[in-house]
PDB file of N, CA and C in Angstrom:
ATOM      1  N   UNK A   1      98.787  91.757 104.314  1.00  0.00           N
ATOM      2  CA  UNK A   1      97.668  92.911 104.171  1.00  0.00           C
ATOM      3  C   UNK A   1      96.548  92.581 105.071  1.00  0.00           C
ATOM      4  N   UNK A   2      96.082  93.575 105.804  1.00  0.00           N
ATOM      5  CA  UNK A   2      95.068  93.754 106.733  1.00  0.00           C
ATOM      6  C   UNK A   2      94.097  94.927 106.887  1.00  0.00           C
ATOM      7  N   UNK A   3      92.772  94.310 106.923  1.00  0.00           N
ATOM      8  CA  UNK A   3      92.083  95.375 106.228  1.00  0.00           C
ATOM      9  C   UNK A   3      90.999  95.172 107.238  1.00  0.00           C
ATOM     10  N   UNK A   4      90.238  96.291 107.817  1.00  0.00           N
ATOM     11  CA  UNK A   4      89.261  97.111 108.524  1.00  0.00           C
ATOM     12  C   UNK A   4      88.074  97.351 107.885  1.00  0.00           C
ATOM     13  N   UNK A   5      86.746  97.604 108.374  1.00  0.00           N
ATOM     14  CA  UNK A   5      86.205  98.113 107.622  1.00  0.00           C
ATOM     15  C   UNK A   5      86.321  99.914 107.395  1.00  0.00           C
ATOM     16  N   UNK A   6      87.152 100.602 108.275  1.00  0.00           N
ATOM     17  CA  UNK A   6      87.694 101.573 107.478  1.00  0.00           C
ATOM     18  C   UNK A   6      88.738 102.233 107.056  1.00  0.00           C
ATOM     19  N   UNK A   7      89.778 100.878 107.001  1.00  0.00           N
ATOM     20  CA  UNK A   7      91.320 101.183 106.779  1.00  0.00           C
ATOM     21  C   UNK A   7      91.871  99.996 106.494  1.00  0.00           C
ATOM     22  N   UNK A   8      93.309  99.963 105.800  1.00  0.00           N
ATOM     23  CA  UNK A   8      93.959  98.910 105.445  1.00  0.00           C
ATOM     24  C   UNK A   8      95.204  99.164 105.671  1.00  0.00           C
ATOM     25  N   UNK A   9      96.223  97.857 105.917  1.00  0.00           N
ATOM     26  CA  UNK A   9      97.700  98.315 105.842  1.00  0.00           C
ATOM     27  C   UNK A   9      98.195  97.178 105.227  1.00  0.00           C
ATOM     28  N   UNK A  10      99.477  97.482 105.098  1.00  0.00           N
ATOM     29  CA  UNK A  10     100.399  96.162 104.636  1.00  0.00           C
ATOM     30  C   UNK A  10     101.825  96.430 104.517  1.00  0.00           C
ATOM     31  N   UNK A  11     102.241  95.558 105.213  1.00  0.00           N
ATOM     32  CA  UNK A  11     103.880  95.571 105.806  1.00  0.00           C
ATOM     33  C   UNK A  11     104.085  94.543 104.707  1.00  0.00           C
ATOM     34  N   UNK A  12     105.506  95.062 104.552  1.00  0.00           N
ATOM     35  CA  UNK A  12     106.267  94.411 103.701  1.00  0.00           C
ATOM     36  C   UNK A  12     108.003  93.851 103.972  1.00  0.00           C
ATOM     37  N   UNK A  13     108.729  93.270 103.887  1.00  0.00           N
ATOM     38  CA  UNK A  13     110.298  93.052 104.622  1.00  0.00           C
ATOM     39  C   UNK A  13     110.927  93.252 103.082  1.00  0.00           C
ATOM     40  N   UNK A  14     111.744  94.618 103.656  1.00  0.00           N
ATOM     41  CA  UNK A  14     112.952  95.078 102.090  1.00  0.00           C
ATOM     42  C   UNK A  14     113.879  94.273 102.161  1.00  0.00           C
ATOM     43  N   UNK A  15     114.636  94.113 101.089  1.00  0.00           N
ATOM     44  CA  UNK A  15     116.043  92.852 101.143  1.00  0.00           C
ATOM     45  C   UNK A  15     116.647  93.311 102.115  1.00  0.00           C
ATOM     46  N   UNK A  16     116.989  94.514 103.068  1.00  0.00           N
ATOM     47  CA  UNK A  16     117.788  94.782 104.362  1.00  0.00           C
ATOM     48  C   UNK A  16     117.210  94.173 105.512  1.00  0.00           C
ATOM     49  N   UNK A  17     116.032  94.168 105.279  1.00  0.00           N
ATOM     50  CA  UNK A  17     115.644  93.249 106.671  1.00  0.00           C
ATOM     51  C   UNK A  17     114.609  93.969 107.723  1.00  0.00           C
ATOM     52  N   UNK A  18     114.410  95.380 107.106  1.00  0.00           N
ATOM     53  CA  UNK A  18     113.569  96.064 107.568  1.00  0.00           C
ATOM     54  C   UNK A  18     111.829  96.134 107.025  1.00  0.00           C
ATOM     55  N   UNK A  19     111.242  96.520 107.834  1.00  0.00           N
ATOM     56  CA  UNK A  19     109.816  96.683 107.200  1.00  0.00           C
ATOM     57  C   UNK A  19     109.417  98.096 106.261  1.00  0.00           C
ATOM     58  N   UNK A  20     108.427  97.602 105.205  1.00  0.00           N
ATOM     59  CA  UNK A  20     107.833  98.787 104.900  1.00  0.00           C
ATOM     60  C   UNK A  20     106.473  98.821 104.722  1.00  0.00           C
ATOM     61  N   UNK A  21     105.701  99.950 105.475  1.00  0.00           N
ATOM     62  CA  UNK A  21     104.635 100.019 105.439  1.00  0.00           C
ATOM     63  C   UNK A  21     103.405 101.053 104.844  1.00  0.00           C
ATOM     64  N   UNK A  22     102.587 100.160 104.278  1.00  0.00           N
ATOM     65  CA  UNK A  22     101.638 101.293 103.821  1.00  0.00           C
ATOM     66  C   UNK A  22     100.148 101.604 104.418  1.00  0.00           C
ATOM     67  N   UNK A  23      99.412 102.782 104.563  1.00  0.00           N
ATOM     68  CA  UNK A  23      98.217 102.925 105.364  1.00  0.00           C
ATOM     69  C   UNK A  23      97.445 103.550 104.324  1.00  0.00           C
ATOM     70  N   UNK A  24      96.101 103.114 104.720  1.00  0.00           N
ATOM     71  CA  UNK A  24      94.908 103.820 103.667  1.00  0.00           C
ATOM     72  C   UNK A  24      93.848 103.791 104.399  1.00  0.00           C
ATOM     73  N   UNK A  25      93.144 104.432 104.156  1.00  0.00           N
ATOM     74  CA  UNK A  25      91.923 104.419 104.255  1.00  0.00           C
ATOM     75  C   UNK A  25      90.945 103.767 103.498  1.00  0.00           C
ATOM     76  N   UNK A  26      90.076 103.586 103.633  1.00  0.00           N
ATOM     77  CA  UNK A  26      88.488 102.510 102.577  1.00  0.00           C
ATOM     78  C   UNK A  26      87.529 103.341 103.044  1.00  0.00           C
ATOM     79  N   UNK A  27      86.991 103.888 101.638  1.00  0.00           N
ATOM     80  CA  UNK A  27      85.659 104.803 102.304  1.00  0.00           C
ATOM     81  C   UNK A  27      84.413 103.860 101.727  1.00  0.00           C
ATOM     82  N   UNK A  28      83.251 103.540 102.380  1.00  0.00           N
ATOM     83  CA  UNK A  28      82.548 102.915 102.586  1.00  0.00           C
ATOM     84  C   UNK A  28      81.867 103.289 101.159  1.00  0.00           C
ATOM     85  N   UNK A  29      81.190 102.675 100.098  1.00  0.00           N
ATOM     86  CA  UNK A  29      80.250 102.897  99.318  1.00  0.00           C
ATOM     87  C   UNK A  29      78.617 102.784  99.984  1.00  0.00           C
ATOM     88  N   UNK A  30      78.336 102.023 100.831  1.00  0.00           N
ATOM     89  CA  UNK A  30      76.689 101.967 101.234  1.00  0.00           C
ATOM     90  C   UNK A  30      77.113 103.857 101.738  1.00  0.00           C
ATOM     91  N   UNK A  31      77.919 104.029 102.198  1.00  0.00           N
ATOM     92  CA  UNK A  31      77.540 105.537 102.793  1.00  0.00           C
ATOM     93  C   UNK A  31      77.269 106.727 101.591  1.00  0.00           C
ATOM     94  N   UNK A  32      78.216 106.489 100.609  1.00  0.00           N
ATOM     95  CA  UNK A  32      78.282 107.080  99.552  1.00  0.00           C
ATOM     96  C   UNK A  32      77.030 107.260  98.473  1.00  0.00           C
ATOM     97  N   UNK A  33      76.665 106.034  98.293  1.00  0.00           N
ATOM     98  CA  UNK A  33      75.718 105.677  97.541  1.00  0.00           C
ATOM     99  C   UNK A  33      74.760 104.424  97.722  1.00  0.00           C
ATOM    100  N   UNK A  34      73.323 104.729  98.651  1.00  0.00           N
ATOM    101  CA  UNK A  34      72.316 104.139  99.499  1.00  0.00           C
ATOM    102  C   UNK A  34      71.751 102.968  98.358  1.00  0.00           C
ATOM    103  N   UNK A  35      72.017 102.377  97.326  1.00  0.00           N
ATOM    104  CA  UNK A  35      71.846 101.932  96.806  1.00  0.00           C
ATOM    105  C   UNK A  35      72.377 100.408  96.960  1.00  0.00           C
ATOM    106  N   UNK A  36      73.923 100.790  97.405  1.00  0.00           N
ATOM    107  CA  UNK A  36      74.981 100.021  97.912  1.00  0.00           C
ATOM    108  C   UNK A  36      74.183  99.185  99.056  1.00  0.00           C
ATOM    109  N   UNK A  37      73.166  99.808  99.928  1.00  0.00           N
ATOM    110  CA  UNK A  37      72.930  98.989 101.114  1.00  0.00           C
ATOM    111  C   UNK A  37      72.111  97.899 100.947  1.00  0.00           C
ATOM    112  N   UNK A  38      71.592  97.206  99.647  1.00  0.00           N
ATOM    113  CA  UNK A  38      71.202  96.170  99.663  1.00  0.00           C
ATOM    114  C   UNK A  38      72.606  94.867  99.809  1.00  0.00           C
ATOM    115  N   UNK A  39      71.741  94.077 100.222  1.00  0.00           N
ATOM    116  CA  UNK A  39      73.016  92.767 100.564  1.00  0.00           C
ATOM    117  C   UNK A  39      73.535  92.245  99.105  1.00  0.00           C
ATOM    118  N   UNK A  40      73.229  92.015  97.862  1.00  0.00           N
ATOM    119  CA  UNK A  40      73.893  91.258  97.401  1.00  0.00           C
ATOM    120  C   UNK A  40      75.136  92.752  96.334  1.00  0.00           C
ATOM    121  N   UNK A  41      73.957  93.900  95.933  1.00  0.00           N
ATOM    122  CA  UNK A  41      75.035  94.834  95.754  1.00  0.00           C
ATOM    123  C   UNK A  41      76.035  95.416  96.460  1.00  0.00           C
ATOM    124  N   UNK A  42      75.942  94.927  98.097  1.00  0.00           N
ATOM    125  CA  UNK A  42      76.618  95.527  98.951  1.00  0.00           C
ATOM    126  C   UNK A  42      77.840  94.426  98.954  1.00  0.00           C
ATOM    127  N   UNK A  43      77.124  92.961  98.981  1.00  0.00           N
ATOM    128  CA  UNK A  43      78.637  92.199  98.525  1.00  0.00           C
ATOM    129  C   UNK A  43      79.441  92.068  97.288  1.00  0.00           C
ATOM    130  N   UNK A  44      79.061  92.615  95.979  1.00  0.00           N
ATOM    131  CA  UNK A  44      79.408  92.481  95.209  1.00  0.00           C
ATOM    132  C   UNK A  44      80.436  94.107  94.865  1.00  0.00           C
ATOM    133  N   UNK A  45      80.247  94.953  95.617  1.00  0.00           N
ATOM    134  CA  UNK A  45      81.012  95.788  95.691  1.00  0.00           C
ATOM    135  C   UNK A  45      81.850  95.869  96.501  1.00  0.00           C
ATOM    136  N   UNK A  46      82.042  95.304  97.316  1.00  0.00           N
ATOM    137  CA  UNK A  46      82.703  95.059  98.297  1.00  0.00           C
ATOM    138  C   UNK A  46      83.613  94.200  97.555  1.00  0.00           C
ATOM    139  N   UNK A  47      83.607  92.814  97.092  1.00  0.00           N
ATOM    140  CA  UNK A  47      84.315  92.102  96.478  1.00  0.00           C
ATOM    141  C   UNK A  47      85.369  93.118  95.309  1.00  0.00           C
ATOM    142  N   UNK A  48      84.560  93.801  94.566  1.00  0.00           N
ATOM    143  CA  UNK A  48      85.456  94.526  93.708  1.00  0.00           C
ATOM    144  C   UNK A  48      86.274  95.179  94.630  1.00  0.00           C
ATOM    145  N   UNK A  49      85.984  96.155  95.524  1.00  0.00           N
ATOM    146  CA  UNK A  49      86.924  96.943  96.714  1.00  0.00           C
ATOM    147  C   UNK A  49      87.562  96.116  97.088  1.00  0.00           C
ATOM    148  N   UNK A  50      87.564  94.913  97.595  1.00  0.00           N
ATOM    149  CA  UNK A  50      88.935  93.997  97.529  1.00  0.00           C
ATOM    150  C   UNK A  50      89.573  93.975  96.927  1.00  0.00           C
ATOM    151  N   UNK A  51      89.449  93.142  95.822  1.00  0.00           N
ATOM    152  CA  UNK A  51      90.150  92.717  94.387  1.00  0.00           C
ATOM    153  C   UNK A  51      90.730  94.417  94.703  1.00  0.00           C
ATOM    154  N   UNK A  52      90.505  95.268  94.409  1.00  0.00           N
ATOM    155  CA  UNK A  52      91.340  96.515  94.362  1.00  0.00           C
ATOM    156  C   UNK A  52      92.833  97.017  95.283  1.00  0.00           C
ATOM    157  N   UNK A  53      92.091  96.413  96.501  1.00  0.00           N
ATOM    158  CA  UNK A  53      93.151  96.685  97.454  1.00  0.00           C
ATOM    159  C   UNK A  53      93.844  96.361  97.196  1.00  0.00           C
ATOM    160  N   UNK A  54      93.692  94.529  97.084  1.00  0.00           N
ATOM    161  CA  UNK A  54      94.290  93.660  96.723  1.00  0.00           C
ATOM    162  C   UNK A  54      95.618  93.620  95.596  1.00  0.00           C
ATOM    163  N   UNK A  55      95.405  94.486  94.554  1.00  0.00           N
ATOM    164  CA  UNK A  55      96.053  94.649  93.431  1.00  0.00           C
ATOM    165  C   UNK A  55      96.605  96.043  93.875  1.00  0.00           C
ATOM    166  N   UNK A  56      96.530  97.170  94.755  1.00  0.00           N
ATOM    167  CA  UNK A  56      97.007  97.594  94.958  1.00  0.00           C
ATOM    168  C   UNK A  56      98.622  97.734  95.980  1.00  0.00           C
ATOM    169  N   UNK A  57      98.005  96.380  97.121  1.00  0.00           N
ATOM    170  CA  UNK A  57      98.823  95.937  97.832  1.00  0.00           C
ATOM    171  C   UNK A  57      99.914  95.293  97.029  1.00  0.00           C
ATOM    172  N   UNK A  58      99.729  94.429  96.184  1.00  0.00           N
ATOM    173  CA  UNK A  58     101.011  93.387  95.491  1.00  0.00           C
ATOM    174  C   UNK A  58     101.473  94.234  94.555  1.00  0.00           C
ATOM    175  N   UNK A  59     100.855  95.056  94.531  1.00  0.00           N
ATOM    176  CA  UNK A  59     102.148  96.228  93.345  1.00  0.00           C
ATOM    177  C   UNK A  59     103.056  97.249  94.509  1.00  0.00           C
ATOM    178  N   UNK A  60     102.643  97.161  95.821  1.00  0.00           N
ATOM    179  CA  UNK A  60     103.214  97.979  96.775  1.00  0.00           C
ATOM    180  C   UNK A  60     104.539  96.979  97.067  1.00  0.00           C
ATOM    181  N   UNK A  61     104.195  95.377  97.336  1.00  0.00           N
ATOM    182  CA  UNK A  61     105.166  94.953  97.678  1.00  0.00           C
ATOM    183  C   UNK A  61     106.199  94.413  96.427  1.00  0.00           C
ATOM    184  N   UNK A  62     105.559  94.199  95.288  1.00  0.00           N
ATOM    185  CA  UNK A  62     106.571  93.840  94.201  1.00  0.00           C
ATOM    186  C   UNK A  62     107.180  95.392  94.049  1.00  0.00           C
ATOM    187  N   UNK A  63     107.143  96.215  94.518  1.00  0.00           N
ATOM    188  CA  UNK A  63     108.132  97.892  94.106  1.00  0.00           C
ATOM    189  C   UNK A  63     108.961  97.550  95.366  1.00  0.00           C
ATOM    190  N   UNK A  64     108.825  97.580  96.553  1.00  0.00           N
ATOM    191  CA  UNK A  64     109.490  97.504  97.208  1.00  0.00           C
ATOM    192  C   UNK A  64     110.727  96.048  97.878  1.00  0.00           C
ATOM    193  N   UNK A  65     110.284  95.002  96.675  1.00  0.00           N
ATOM    194  CA  UNK A  65     110.878  93.791  96.958  1.00  0.00           C
ATOM    195  C   UNK A  65     111.947  93.685  95.552  1.00  0.00           C
ATOM    196  N   UNK A  66     111.323  94.643  94.577  1.00  0.00           N
ATOM    197  CA  UNK A  66     112.477  94.122  93.682  1.00  0.00           C
ATOM    198  C   UNK A  66     113.088  95.428  93.190  1.00  0.00           C
ATOM    199  N   UNK A  67     113.375  96.337  94.146  1.00  0.00           N
ATOM    200  CA  UNK A  67     114.539  97.211  94.439  1.00  0.00           C
ATOM    201  C   UNK A  67     116.271  96.364  93.830  1.00  0.00           C
ATOM    202  N   UNK A  68     116.846  97.011  93.273  1.00  0.00           N
ATOM    203  CA  UNK A  68     118.332  96.108  93.244  1.00  0.00           C
ATOM    204  C   UNK A  68     118.852  96.441  94.726  1.00  0.00           C
ATOM    205  N   UNK A  69     119.560  95.116  94.669  1.00  0.00           N
ATOM    206  CA  UNK A  69     120.454  95.356  96.217  1.00  0.00           C
ATOM    207  C   UNK A  69     121.794  95.956  96.233  1.00  0.00           C
ATOM    208  N   UNK A  70     122.081  96.604  97.376  1.00  0.00           N
ATOM    209  CA  UNK A  70     123.408  97.855  96.964  1.00  0.00           C
ATOM    210  C   UNK A  70     124.671  97.255  96.920  1.00  0.00           C
ATOM    211  N   UNK A  71     124.731  95.685  96.486  1.00  0.00           N
ATOM    212  CA  UNK A  71     125.673  95.126  96.341  1.00  0.00           C
ATOM    213  C   UNK A  71     125.810  94.163  95.523  1.00  0.00           C
ATOM    214  N   UNK A  72     126.441  93.583  94.785  1.00  0.00           N
ATOM    215  CA  UNK A  72     126.117  92.646  93.580  1.00  0.00           C
ATOM    216  C   UNK A  72     126.479  91.223  94.227  1.00  0.00           C
ATOM    217  N   UNK A  73     125.417  90.251  93.703  1.00  0.00           N
ATOM    218  CA  UNK A  73     125.423  88.865  94.286  1.00  0.00           C
ATOM    219  C   UNK A  73     126.996  87.887  94.071  1.00  0.00           C
ATOM    220  N   UNK A  74     127.205  87.729  95.027  1.00  0.00           N
ATOM    221  CA  UNK A  74     128.440  87.245  95.112  1.00  0.00           C
ATOM    222  C   UNK A  74     128.345  85.570  94.043  1.00  0.00           C
ATOM    223  N   UNK A  75     129.084  85.407  93.452  1.00  0.00           N
ATOM    224  CA  UNK A  75     128.934  84.368  92.066  1.00  0.00           C
ATOM    225  C   UNK A  75     129.158  83.148  92.808  1.00  0.00           C
ATOM    226  N   UNK A  76     128.464  82.204  92.612  1.00  0.00           N
ATOM    227  CA  UNK A  76     128.567  80.445  93.534  1.00  0.00           C
ATOM    228  C   UNK A  76     129.519  79.372  92.401  1.00  0.00           C
ATOM    229  N   UNK A  77     130.575  79.155  93.264  1.00  0.00           N
ATOM    230  CA  UNK A  77     131.083  78.106  92.453  1.00  0.00           C
ATOM    231  C   UNK A  77     130.854  77.377  91.816  1.00  0.00           C
ATOM    232  N   UNK A  78     132.109  77.024  90.463  1.00  0.00           N
ATOM    233  CA  UNK A  78     131.229  75.820  89.914  1.00  0.00           C
ATOM    234  C   UNK A  78     131.922  74.759  90.228  1.00  0.00           C
ATOM    235  N   UNK A  79     131.033  73.524  90.214  1.00  0.00           N
ATOM    236  CA  UNK A  79     131.834  72.259  90.778  1.00  0.00           C
ATOM    237  C   UNK A  79     131.276  70.955  89.126  1.00  0.00           C
ATOM    238  N   UNK A  80     132.876  70.756  89.136  1.00  0.00           N
ATOM    239  CA  UNK A  80     133.330  69.873  87.889  1.00  0.00           C
ATOM    240  C   UNK A  80     131.871  68.928  87.648  1.00  0.00           C
ATOM    241  N   UNK A  81     131.281  68.490  86.284  1.00  0.00           N
ATOM    242  CA  UNK A  81     130.486  67.854  86.710  1.00  0.00           C
ATOM    243  C   UNK A  81     131.139  66.368  86.710  1.00  0.00           C
ATOM    244  N   UNK A  82     129.721  65.575  87.646  1.00  0.00           N
ATOM    245  CA  UNK A  82     129.812  64.166  87.839  1.00  0.00           C
ATOM    246  C   UNK A  82     129.871  63.612  87.195  1.00  0.00           C
ATOM    247  N   UNK A  83     131.206  62.227  86.873  1.00  0.00           N
ATOM    248  CA  UNK A  83     131.378  61.278  85.921  1.00  0.00           C
ATOM    249  C   UNK A  83     129.945  60.782  85.944  1.00  0.00           C
ATOM    250  N   UNK A  84     129.918  60.039  84.421  1.00  0.00           N
ATOM    251  CA  UNK A  84     128.733  59.259  84.357  1.00  0.00           C
ATOM    252  C   UNK A  84     129.099  57.483  84.290  1.00  0.00           C
ATOM    253  N   UNK A  85     128.378  56.952  84.747  1.00  0.00           N
ATOM    254  CA  UNK A  85     128.351  55.711  84.798  1.00  0.00           C
ATOM    255  C   UNK A  85     127.779  55.194  83.613  1.00  0.00           C
ATOM    256  N   UNK A  86     128.860  53.892  83.173  1.00  0.00           N
ATOM    257  CA  UNK A  86     128.416  53.622  81.801  1.00  0.00           C
ATOM    258  C   UNK A  86     127.218  52.355  82.062  1.00  0.00           C
ATOM    259  N   UNK A  87     126.030  52.445  81.457  1.00  0.00           N
ATOM    260  CA  UNK A  87     124.605  51.537  81.267  1.00  0.00           C
ATOM    261  C   UNK A  87     125.252  50.413  81.905  1.00  0.00           C
ATOM    262  N   UNK A  88     124.314  49.854  82.604  1.00  0.00           N
ATOM    263  CA  UNK A  88     124.354  48.340  82.647  1.00  0.00           C
ATOM    264  C   UNK A  88     123.924  47.597  81.731  1.00  0.00           C
ATOM    265  N   UNK A  89     124.218  46.557  81.547  1.00  0.00           N
ATOM    266  CA  UNK A  89     123.715  45.414  80.491  1.00  0.00           C
ATOM    267  C   UNK A  89     123.251  44.276  80.674  1.00  0.00           C
ATOM    268  N   UNK A  90     122.258  43.666  81.184  1.00  0.00           N
ATOM    269  CA  UNK A  90     121.921  42.271  81.273  1.00  0.00           C
ATOM    270  C   UNK A  90     122.619  41.400  80.628  1.00  0.00           C
ATOM    271  N   UNK A  91     123.476  40.497  80.931  1.00  0.00           N
ATOM    272  CA  UNK A  91     123.738  39.247  80.512  1.00  0.00           C
ATOM    273  C   UNK A  91     122.775  38.147  79.965  1.00  0.00           C
ATOM    274  N   UNK A  92     122.852  37.546  78.720  1.00  0.00           N
ATOM    275  CA  UNK A  92     121.713  36.928  78.178  1.00  0.00           C
ATOM    276  C   UNK A  92     121.766  35.652  79.600  1.00  0.00           C
ATOM    277  N   UNK A  93     120.641  34.753  79.416  1.00  0.00           N
ATOM    278  CA  UNK A  93     120.188  33.988  80.094  1.00  0.00           C
ATOM    279  C   UNK A  93     120.659  32.702  79.375  1.00  0.00           C
ATOM    280  N   UNK A  94     121.570  31.787  80.417  1.00  0.00           N
ATOM    281  CA  UNK A  94     121.695  30.454  79.904  1.00  0.00           C
ATOM    282  C   UNK A  94     120.469  29.823  80.075  1.00  0.00           C
ATOM    283  N   UNK A  95     120.478  28.433  79.207  1.00  0.00           N
ATOM    284  CA  UNK A  95     119.131  28.055  79.020  1.00  0.00           C
ATOM    285  C   UNK A  95     119.637  26.426  79.434  1.00  0.00           C
TER     286      UNK A  95
END
């Protein structure tokens, strides 16, 4: 995900290897609401705006990656279990 002052973009690799792209515009809250020109309020507003964009990007990424593959995965061959060694016991010391 990349963000600029006026837009954002998300790129996700699909299971087949191609890229899925999403682009969007980011409206400035300071232009719509002059109260957000104050530094503290602007920082809080941008924090929540970035959080919303990040959640949107994660949802987009999950929706593109979670699509079922076109063919079922190959079953892995089963290996026989390894034989267990008998436990080692110490011989008592002779005094």
